[in-house]
Protein backbone atom coordinates (compact mmCIF):
# COMPACT_ATOMS: atom_id res chain seq x y z
CA MET A 1 1.38 -49.33 71.83
CA PRO A 2 -1.60 -47.62 73.47
CA ASP A 3 -5.00 -49.14 72.78
CA ALA A 4 -8.39 -47.65 73.51
CA ASP A 5 -9.43 -51.03 74.93
CA ASP A 6 -6.72 -50.76 77.61
CA THR A 7 -7.91 -47.45 79.13
CA GLN A 8 -9.90 -47.27 82.36
CA PRO A 9 -13.59 -46.27 82.17
CA GLY A 10 -14.06 -42.55 82.38
CA THR A 11 -10.51 -41.69 81.29
CA ALA A 12 -9.33 -40.31 77.98
CA PRO A 13 -7.28 -42.71 75.86
CA PRO A 14 -3.57 -41.91 75.59
CA PRO A 15 -2.45 -40.11 72.43
CA ALA A 16 -1.70 -42.31 69.44
CA PRO A 17 2.04 -42.66 68.74
CA GLU A 18 3.59 -40.94 65.76
CA VAL A 19 4.05 -43.29 62.81
CA ASP A 20 6.88 -42.84 60.36
CA PRO A 21 5.50 -43.51 56.86
CA LEU A 22 8.79 -44.96 55.62
CA THR A 23 10.07 -47.03 58.52
CA GLY A 24 6.87 -49.06 58.72
CA PRO A 25 4.43 -49.73 61.55
CA PRO A 26 5.86 -49.82 65.08
CA ARG A 27 7.33 -53.13 66.18
CA GLU A 28 5.02 -54.84 68.65
CA SER A 29 5.59 -57.33 71.41
CA LYS A 30 3.88 -60.72 71.23
CA ARG A 31 1.45 -59.57 73.90
CA GLU A 32 0.51 -56.48 71.91
CA ARG A 33 0.01 -58.54 68.75
CA ARG A 34 -2.30 -60.94 70.62
CA ARG A 35 -4.35 -58.00 71.94
CA ARG A 36 -4.67 -56.54 68.46
CA ARG A 37 -5.79 -59.87 67.01
CA ARG A 38 -8.46 -60.22 69.73
CA ARG A 39 -9.72 -56.71 68.98
CA ARG A 40 -9.80 -57.52 65.26
CA ALA A 41 -11.76 -60.71 65.94
CA ARG A 42 -14.42 -58.98 68.04
CA SER A 43 -14.80 -55.76 66.12
CA GLU A 44 -15.65 -54.98 62.52
CA LEU A 45 -12.79 -53.56 60.47
CA PRO A 46 -13.37 -50.57 58.17
CA PRO A 47 -14.59 -51.32 54.64
CA PRO A 48 -12.07 -51.38 51.75
CA ILE A 49 -10.56 -48.00 50.99
CA GLU A 50 -9.26 -46.46 47.78
CA LEU A 51 -5.96 -44.63 48.01
CA THR A 52 -2.89 -43.52 46.09
CA ILE A 53 0.38 -45.21 47.02
CA GLU A 54 3.00 -42.61 47.87
CA GLY A 55 6.09 -44.51 48.93
CA PHE A 56 7.85 -47.73 49.91
CA ALA A 57 8.35 -48.78 53.54
CA SER A 58 10.19 -51.43 55.51
CA GLY A 59 8.61 -54.87 55.58
CA GLY A 60 8.01 -54.74 51.83
CA THR A 61 4.84 -52.67 52.22
CA CYS A 62 3.91 -49.43 50.49
CA VAL A 63 2.33 -46.40 52.12
CA GLY A 64 -0.55 -44.07 51.46
CA ARG A 65 -3.04 -41.96 53.38
CA GLY A 66 -6.53 -43.15 54.28
CA PRO A 67 -9.66 -40.99 54.01
CA ASP A 68 -9.28 -39.99 57.67
CA GLY A 69 -5.61 -39.01 57.22
CA ARG A 70 -4.13 -42.05 58.91
CA VAL A 71 -1.06 -43.69 57.36
CA VAL A 72 -1.95 -46.95 55.59
CA PHE A 73 0.68 -49.66 55.08
CA VAL A 74 -0.41 -51.64 52.01
CA GLU A 75 0.89 -55.03 50.93
CA TYR A 76 1.31 -55.99 47.25
CA ALA A 77 1.14 -52.43 45.94
CA LEU A 78 3.66 -50.14 44.18
CA PRO A 79 4.48 -46.43 44.53
CA GLY A 80 2.35 -44.34 42.19
CA GLU A 81 -0.49 -46.84 41.97
CA ARG A 82 -4.14 -46.22 42.76
CA VAL A 83 -5.49 -49.26 44.62
CA LEU A 84 -8.50 -50.57 46.47
CA ALA A 85 -7.17 -51.98 49.73
CA GLU A 86 -8.77 -54.33 52.23
CA VAL A 87 -7.99 -53.29 55.81
CA THR A 88 -6.45 -56.20 57.73
CA SER A 89 -5.56 -54.43 60.98
CA GLU A 90 -6.48 -51.15 62.63
CA SER A 91 -4.57 -49.05 65.15
CA PRO A 92 -5.33 -45.54 66.43
CA SER A 93 -2.60 -43.97 64.29
CA TYR A 94 -2.31 -46.28 61.26
CA LEU A 95 -3.96 -49.02 59.25
CA GLU A 96 -2.52 -52.16 57.69
CA ALA A 97 -4.10 -53.32 54.44
CA ARG A 98 -3.74 -55.52 51.38
CA ALA A 99 -4.28 -54.40 47.80
CA ILE A 100 -7.23 -56.33 46.36
CA GLU A 101 -7.78 -54.33 43.17
CA ILE A 102 -5.29 -52.30 41.14
CA ARG A 103 -7.17 -49.38 39.62
CA GLU A 104 -4.16 -47.56 38.21
CA ALA A 105 -1.16 -49.86 37.80
CA SER A 106 2.50 -48.92 37.85
CA PRO A 107 4.50 -49.72 34.68
CA ARG A 108 6.88 -51.55 37.04
CA ARG A 109 4.24 -54.10 38.03
CA VAL A 110 4.84 -57.65 36.73
CA GLU A 111 3.07 -60.99 37.01
CA PRO A 112 4.41 -62.97 40.02
CA ALA A 113 6.26 -66.13 39.02
CA CYS A 114 4.98 -68.17 41.97
CA PRO A 115 1.40 -69.50 42.28
CA TYR A 116 1.72 -69.26 46.07
CA PHE A 117 2.75 -65.59 46.09
CA GLY A 118 0.71 -63.65 48.62
CA THR A 119 -0.27 -66.85 50.43
CA CYS A 120 2.91 -68.37 51.85
CA GLY A 121 4.38 -65.00 52.86
CA GLY A 122 7.99 -65.89 52.07
CA CYS A 123 8.24 -63.29 49.29
CA GLN A 124 6.80 -59.79 49.36
CA LEU A 125 8.02 -58.25 46.08
CA GLN A 126 7.42 -60.71 43.24
CA HIS A 127 4.87 -58.31 41.73
CA ILE A 128 7.63 -55.72 41.19
CA ASP A 129 10.07 -55.67 38.26
CA TYR A 130 13.47 -56.79 39.60
CA GLU A 131 15.35 -53.63 38.60
CA GLU A 132 12.70 -51.61 40.42
CA GLN A 133 13.12 -53.82 43.50
CA LEU A 134 16.78 -52.74 43.61
CA VAL A 135 15.80 -49.07 43.29
CA LEU A 136 13.25 -49.38 46.10
CA LYS A 137 15.67 -51.22 48.39
CA THR A 138 18.36 -48.59 47.80
CA GLY A 139 15.86 -45.87 48.69
CA LEU A 140 14.77 -47.75 51.79
CA VAL A 141 18.35 -48.02 53.08
CA ARG A 142 18.89 -44.32 52.43
CA ASP A 143 15.63 -43.38 54.19
CA GLN A 144 16.41 -45.52 57.25
CA LEU A 145 19.82 -43.87 57.57
CA ARG A 146 18.20 -40.43 57.34
CA ARG A 147 15.30 -41.06 59.68
CA ILE A 148 16.73 -43.47 62.25
CA GLY A 149 20.44 -42.72 61.90
CA ARG A 150 19.90 -38.95 61.37
CA PHE A 151 22.44 -38.74 58.55
CA ALA A 152 21.62 -35.74 56.37
CA ASP A 153 23.19 -37.14 53.20
CA PRO A 154 24.08 -40.81 53.78
CA PRO A 155 26.73 -42.21 51.40
CA VAL A 156 24.58 -45.04 49.99
CA SER A 157 25.49 -46.62 46.66
CA PRO A 158 22.95 -48.36 44.37
CA ALA A 159 22.03 -51.88 45.48
CA ARG A 160 23.94 -54.65 43.71
CA GLY A 161 21.58 -57.26 42.32
CA MET A 162 21.78 -60.63 40.61
CA ALA A 163 21.92 -61.44 36.93
CA GLU A 164 19.49 -64.32 37.57
CA PRO A 165 17.40 -63.57 40.71
CA TRP A 166 15.65 -66.98 40.85
CA GLY A 167 16.67 -70.38 42.18
CA TYR A 168 19.23 -68.86 44.53
CA ARG A 169 18.19 -69.98 48.01
CA ASN A 170 20.37 -72.88 49.17
CA HIS A 171 18.59 -73.48 52.51
CA MET A 172 14.85 -74.06 53.01
CA ARG A 173 12.82 -75.19 56.02
CA PHE A 174 9.46 -76.86 55.43
CA THR A 175 6.55 -78.04 57.57
CA VAL A 176 5.52 -81.70 57.18
CA ARG A 177 2.01 -82.97 57.90
CA ARG A 178 1.10 -86.41 59.20
CA ASN A 179 0.07 -87.57 55.73
CA GLY A 180 3.53 -86.65 54.40
CA ASP A 181 2.50 -83.43 52.64
CA ILE A 182 5.28 -80.83 52.70
CA GLY A 183 4.86 -77.06 52.58
CA PHE A 184 4.62 -73.88 54.64
CA MET A 185 2.11 -72.27 56.96
CA ARG A 186 -0.15 -69.76 55.24
CA ARG A 187 0.91 -66.22 55.99
CA GLY A 188 -0.48 -64.96 59.30
CA THR A 189 -2.32 -68.21 60.08
CA HIS A 190 -1.80 -71.72 61.43
CA GLN A 191 -3.22 -73.23 58.25
CA PHE A 192 -1.02 -75.55 56.21
CA LEU A 193 -0.18 -74.81 52.57
CA ARG A 194 1.20 -77.67 50.47
CA VAL A 195 4.03 -76.45 48.21
CA ASP A 196 5.37 -78.49 45.30
CA ARG A 197 7.98 -76.03 44.06
CA CYS A 198 9.50 -72.76 45.27
CA PRO A 199 10.93 -70.53 42.49
CA ILE A 200 13.48 -68.81 44.76
CA ALA A 201 14.81 -72.17 46.04
CA HIS A 202 17.83 -73.81 44.45
CA ASP A 203 16.99 -76.51 41.90
CA ALA A 204 18.54 -79.18 44.14
CA VAL A 205 16.26 -78.13 47.01
CA ASN A 206 13.22 -78.40 44.74
CA ALA A 207 14.41 -81.83 43.59
CA VAL A 208 14.45 -83.02 47.23
CA LEU A 209 11.01 -81.52 47.77
CA LYS A 210 9.66 -83.40 44.75
CA ARG A 211 11.14 -86.73 45.86
CA ALA A 212 9.94 -86.41 49.46
CA GLN A 213 6.51 -84.85 48.84
CA GLY A 214 3.80 -87.07 50.32
CA LYS A 215 6.19 -89.95 51.00
CA THR A 216 7.66 -89.40 54.50
CA MET A 217 6.33 -90.29 57.94
CA GLY A 218 7.12 -89.51 61.55
CA THR A 219 8.51 -85.99 61.11
CA ARG A 220 7.03 -82.49 61.40
CA GLN A 221 9.87 -80.43 59.93
CA LEU A 222 12.21 -80.77 56.97
CA SER A 223 15.38 -78.74 56.47
CA VAL A 224 17.25 -78.94 53.15
CA ARG A 225 20.64 -77.33 52.52
CA VAL A 226 22.71 -77.60 49.37
CA GLY A 227 26.28 -76.70 48.47
CA GLU A 228 25.85 -74.86 45.19
CA ALA A 229 29.51 -75.28 44.24
CA THR A 230 29.86 -78.86 45.53
CA GLY A 231 26.42 -80.37 44.93
CA GLU A 232 26.40 -81.83 48.45
CA LEU A 233 23.12 -82.06 50.38
CA LEU A 234 22.28 -81.82 54.06
CA ILE A 235 18.76 -83.07 54.82
CA GLN A 236 17.49 -83.04 58.39
CA PRO A 237 16.12 -84.92 60.21
CA GLU A 238 16.85 -88.44 59.02
CA LEU A 239 13.69 -89.29 57.10
CA ARG A 240 11.48 -92.36 57.31
CA PHE A 241 9.70 -93.15 54.06
CA ARG A 242 6.33 -94.83 53.71
CA PRO A 243 6.30 -98.49 52.65
CA GLY A 244 6.98 -98.92 48.96
CA ARG A 245 8.56 -95.47 48.59
CA ARG A 246 12.16 -95.15 47.44
CA PRO A 247 14.16 -93.59 50.32
CA LEU A 248 16.32 -90.51 50.05
CA ALA A 249 19.68 -90.21 51.84
CA SER A 250 19.20 -87.90 54.82
CA GLY A 251 20.40 -87.17 58.35
CA GLN A 252 23.80 -85.85 57.22
CA GLU A 253 25.75 -84.05 59.96
CA HIS A 254 27.34 -81.49 57.66
CA TYR A 255 27.93 -80.50 54.04
CA HIS A 256 30.55 -78.45 52.16
CA GLU A 257 30.37 -75.26 50.15
CA ALA A 258 33.07 -73.34 48.27
CA LEU A 259 33.43 -69.56 48.53
CA GLY A 260 36.29 -67.42 47.30
CA GLY A 261 38.02 -70.53 46.01
CA ARG A 262 38.12 -72.19 49.45
CA LEU A 263 36.10 -75.15 50.75
CA PHE A 264 34.03 -74.72 53.95
CA ARG A 265 32.34 -77.29 56.14
CA ILE A 266 28.92 -76.31 57.52
CA SER A 267 27.07 -78.31 60.18
CA ALA A 268 23.31 -78.58 60.44
CA ALA A 269 23.05 -76.11 63.35
CA ALA A 270 25.55 -73.56 61.97
CA PHE A 271 24.62 -70.36 60.13
CA PHE A 272 25.73 -69.88 56.53
CA GLN A 273 24.66 -67.45 53.82
CA VAL A 274 21.58 -68.73 51.96
CA ASN A 275 22.65 -67.17 48.63
CA THR A 276 26.02 -68.52 47.50
CA ARG A 277 26.27 -66.34 44.38
CA GLN A 278 25.70 -63.10 46.27
CA ALA A 279 27.89 -64.32 49.14
CA GLU A 280 30.76 -64.26 46.65
CA GLN A 281 30.03 -60.56 46.01
CA LEU A 282 29.76 -59.91 49.74
CA ILE A 283 33.15 -61.48 50.43
CA ARG A 284 34.77 -59.57 47.58
CA ILE A 285 33.48 -56.22 48.90
CA VAL A 286 34.55 -56.97 52.47
CA ARG A 287 38.03 -58.03 51.36
CA GLU A 288 38.40 -54.85 49.28
CA ARG A 289 37.42 -52.64 52.24
CA VAL A 290 39.88 -54.49 54.48
CA ARG A 291 42.77 -54.28 52.00
CA GLU A 292 42.26 -50.53 51.51
CA ALA A 293 43.20 -49.94 55.17
CA ARG A 294 46.32 -52.18 55.08
CA PRO A 295 45.71 -53.48 58.62
CA ARG A 296 48.11 -55.48 60.74
CA VAL A 297 45.59 -57.14 63.09
CA VAL A 298 42.01 -57.89 62.00
CA VAL A 299 39.21 -59.09 64.27
CA ASP A 300 36.42 -61.09 62.66
CA ALA A 301 33.58 -60.72 65.18
CA TYR A 302 30.57 -63.05 64.95
CA SER A 303 32.90 -65.15 62.81
CA GLY A 304 30.61 -68.18 62.43
CA VAL A 305 32.22 -71.02 60.52
CA GLY A 306 35.22 -68.81 59.68
CA THR A 307 34.35 -67.63 56.17
CA PHE A 308 35.70 -64.07 56.38
CA ALA A 309 38.66 -65.08 58.54
CA ALA A 310 39.84 -67.82 56.19
CA LEU A 311 39.74 -65.54 53.15
CA LEU A 312 41.23 -62.49 54.90
CA ALA A 313 44.08 -64.65 56.20
CA ARG A 314 45.33 -65.13 52.64
CA ASP A 315 47.22 -61.87 53.11
CA ALA A 316 50.16 -63.33 54.98
CA GLU A 317 51.11 -60.06 56.72
CA VAL A 318 47.68 -59.83 58.40
CA ARG A 319 46.95 -61.51 61.71
CA VAL A 320 43.30 -62.48 62.05
CA ILE A 321 41.50 -63.07 65.37
CA THR A 322 38.04 -64.65 65.29
CA ILE A 323 35.39 -64.25 68.02
CA GLU A 324 32.35 -66.55 68.02
CA GLY A 325 30.00 -67.78 70.73
CA SER A 326 28.26 -70.63 68.86
CA ALA A 327 29.60 -74.09 69.67
CA ALA A 328 28.30 -75.56 66.40
CA ALA A 329 29.97 -72.87 64.33
CA GLY A 330 33.14 -73.28 66.39
CA ASP A 331 33.40 -76.97 65.49
CA ASP A 332 33.18 -76.08 61.80
CA ALA A 333 35.69 -73.25 62.23
CA ASP A 334 38.18 -75.75 63.70
CA VAL A 335 38.08 -77.54 60.35
CA ASN A 336 37.80 -74.50 58.08
CA LEU A 337 40.67 -72.58 59.69
CA ALA A 338 43.02 -75.52 60.18
CA GLY A 339 46.50 -74.87 58.81
CA LEU A 340 46.17 -71.06 58.82
CA ALA A 341 49.02 -70.04 61.10
CA ASN A 342 48.02 -66.38 61.15
CA VAL A 343 44.51 -67.04 62.54
CA THR A 344 43.74 -67.15 66.27
CA ARG A 345 40.33 -68.42 67.40
CA LEU A 346 38.60 -67.12 70.53
CA THR A 347 35.26 -68.34 71.89
CA GLY A 348 32.90 -66.08 73.82
CA ASN A 349 31.00 -62.80 73.72
CA VAL A 350 32.37 -60.01 71.54
CA GLU A 351 31.81 -57.29 74.16
CA GLU A 352 33.79 -59.26 76.74
CA ILE A 353 36.71 -60.32 74.54
CA LEU A 354 37.29 -57.30 72.29
CA PRO A 355 38.36 -54.73 74.95
CA GLY A 356 41.24 -56.84 76.29
CA LEU A 357 42.71 -58.13 73.04
CA GLU A 358 46.48 -58.10 72.66
CA PRO A 359 47.73 -57.15 70.19
CA ALA A 360 44.96 -54.61 69.73
CA PRO A 361 43.19 -54.82 66.36
CA ASP A 362 43.41 -51.90 63.96
CA LEU A 363 40.49 -53.23 61.87
CA VAL A 364 37.31 -55.03 62.93
CA VAL A 365 34.77 -56.84 60.75
CA VAL A 366 31.37 -57.37 62.41
CA ASP A 367 28.52 -59.48 61.00
CA PRO A 368 25.93 -59.50 63.81
CA PRO A 369 22.42 -61.03 63.82
CA ARG A 370 19.38 -58.97 62.74
CA THR A 371 19.21 -57.29 66.16
CA GLY A 372 22.49 -55.51 65.41
CA LEU A 373 25.19 -54.54 67.89
CA GLY A 374 24.39 -54.36 71.58
CA PRO A 375 25.37 -51.24 73.59
CA GLY A 376 28.31 -53.11 75.11
CA ILE A 377 29.74 -53.94 71.69
CA VAL A 378 29.35 -50.36 70.43
CA GLU A 379 31.18 -49.16 73.53
CA ALA A 380 33.92 -51.76 73.07
CA LEU A 381 34.42 -50.66 69.45
CA LEU A 382 34.58 -46.99 70.43
CA LEU A 383 37.13 -47.69 73.16
CA SER A 384 39.24 -49.93 70.93
CA ALA A 385 42.23 -48.94 68.81
CA CYS A 386 40.29 -49.88 65.66
CA ARG A 387 41.02 -47.52 62.74
CA ARG A 388 38.48 -49.05 60.36
CA LEU A 389 35.23 -50.89 60.99
CA VAL A 390 33.51 -52.98 58.30
CA TYR A 391 29.93 -53.64 59.40
CA VAL A 392 27.91 -56.31 57.55
CA SER A 393 24.20 -55.91 58.34
CA CYS A 394 20.98 -57.69 57.35
CA ASP A 395 18.69 -55.02 58.84
CA PRO A 396 18.90 -51.36 57.69
CA ALA A 397 17.03 -50.12 60.78
CA THR A 398 19.41 -51.59 63.37
CA LEU A 399 22.35 -50.65 61.14
CA ALA A 400 21.18 -47.02 61.10
CA ARG A 401 20.79 -47.02 64.88
CA ASP A 402 24.28 -48.45 65.45
CA LEU A 403 25.96 -46.15 62.93
CA ARG A 404 24.58 -43.11 64.72
CA LEU A 405 26.08 -44.32 68.01
CA LEU A 406 29.43 -45.04 66.36
CA VAL A 407 29.75 -41.60 64.75
CA GLU A 408 28.74 -39.80 67.97
CA GLY A 409 31.48 -41.46 70.02
CA ASP A 410 31.63 -42.40 73.69
CA ALA A 411 30.27 -40.06 76.34
CA ALA A 412 33.62 -39.66 78.11
CA GLY A 413 35.40 -38.67 74.91
CA ASP A 414 38.19 -41.17 75.56
CA ARG A 415 38.30 -42.15 71.89
CA LEU A 416 37.48 -40.25 68.73
CA PRO A 417 34.26 -41.32 66.98
CA PHE A 418 34.05 -42.93 63.56
CA VAL A 419 33.42 -41.42 60.13
CA LEU A 420 30.82 -43.15 57.94
CA ARG A 421 32.52 -43.61 54.57
CA SER A 422 30.11 -45.77 52.60
CA VAL A 423 27.05 -48.01 52.78
CA GLU A 424 26.81 -50.59 49.99
CA PRO A 425 23.47 -52.45 49.73
CA LEU A 426 23.63 -55.97 48.36
CA ASP A 427 20.51 -57.88 47.33
CA MET A 428 21.05 -61.23 49.02
CA PHE A 429 17.32 -62.00 49.03
CA PRO A 430 15.64 -61.08 45.70
CA HIS A 431 11.83 -60.83 45.70
CA THR A 432 11.75 -60.43 49.49
CA GLN A 433 11.77 -57.38 51.77
CA HIS A 434 15.31 -58.09 53.01
CA VAL A 435 18.53 -56.37 51.97
CA GLU A 436 22.13 -56.81 53.14
CA CYS A 437 24.46 -53.82 53.61
CA ILE A 438 28.21 -53.38 54.00
CA ALA A 439 29.03 -50.18 55.89
CA THR A 440 32.60 -48.89 56.13
CA LEU A 441 33.67 -46.52 58.89
CA ASP A 442 37.06 -44.94 59.64
CA ARG A 443 38.26 -43.43 62.87
CA GLN A 444 37.86 -39.68 62.84
CA ALA A 445 41.13 -37.74 63.06
CA ALA A 446 39.88 -34.49 64.54
CA THR A 447 36.98 -33.05 66.52
CA PRO A 448 34.10 -32.38 64.10
CA PRO A 449 33.19 -28.73 63.52
CA SER A 450 30.42 -27.32 65.70
CA ASP A 451 28.54 -25.65 62.85
CA LEU A 452 27.00 -28.81 61.41
CA PRO A 453 23.34 -28.43 60.47
CA PRO A 454 20.77 -30.06 62.79
CA GLY A 455 20.56 -33.76 62.07
CA GLY A 456 23.79 -33.54 60.08
CA ASP A 457 26.40 -36.23 59.98
CA PRO A 458 29.20 -35.61 62.50
CA GLY A 459 30.88 -38.63 60.98
CA GLY A 460 31.17 -36.80 57.69
CA ALA A 461 34.05 -34.59 58.79
CA GLY A 462 37.67 -35.45 59.42
CA GLU A 463 40.08 -37.86 57.80
CA PRO A 464 41.11 -41.37 58.80
CA LEU A 465 44.06 -41.72 61.12
CA PRO A 466 47.40 -42.18 59.35
CA GLU A 467 48.66 -45.69 58.85
CA PRO A 468 50.78 -46.95 61.77
């Protein structure tokens, strides 16, 4: 982003970029962040400012307007509150700040359950009543689809939460100091913070933390994973304990977890959902959206250890093809998909494999990383024979971007675009800024009408293609 410090002497600084109050501050490169930190270190930031919080933005921050009219992104505040905020970063078009005094509190404000809240940075929303967290996350998804995806009336359902939104996280990574203390790095610094218990971590993870705290040597990191349904642990690396300390079994190569009534093996390097209870909901929704379309050939792209594929393959008339590029996940998938005659495994990049598949899939499930789908994958989906697409996303912004491309279709018009049918938020990460979404799209059956309002949803017209 433009900085006054970067302009040549005698020239006017470039105009400040527009800032969207609901999508959060612009994403910066590492170089830009370093420049901003240097400016902050050598210049005095504005004094604390009092402002009214007007809305909720991405990143778990809230937004208001400063005395000079600039947008202010405020941490640890709530919509409707009047706060005194300490400015932590300044840019020509916006400020970033932290609430240090609540002068008019929201009735939805609660006491955080964690003594480290606001220091470790892992959670952003513990000061907000859980039901209100779900409301705010639903609104955020809807706003991202409107602003980034340009959908006039996005079909977003209320976020599905948890009955007990604590003790859910089955995978935690810790920093270990030379003296054996275990914890995290303080938010935004390189300073160590010893942590003796994390309230969002599974009880078994906290039990490992308690047993290992202050007792290990020769390691700088500690990763703990637990199978909630099996009770199995995976602790990496293999730990060395100080003399006289009772050792803890560690260095396991893999562990097992059960989802949808099926056992899965997960290796240390493989990705797996960190919230087993909500993963059950996620799988149920995806299976329902797949069954509705009665497909013959399903592609599970970014298939990982084979979770979706194994459970979708229970419908004997469906052929499932998995595509995954990770070697570690592929080794687990060999085990998890063994004995399923209607599953074919392919290794490689989705954009390279999908266009040439035979038989062609009529339904595709995608579960990409936070960066979303690349242009090549969007093009491959548009050029495919896919009648329904089920898109599992962990980032509403990249989801909104990709959905817009999918409903607009390919430039050559070789294939009809998709219709956005539904977006279902799922709270996989209570008390944090993150939210999972399941978007369902069907192939459009006719050219959309030309009289749509500006910014309207061309994917909102038409009907899905008839069943083959």
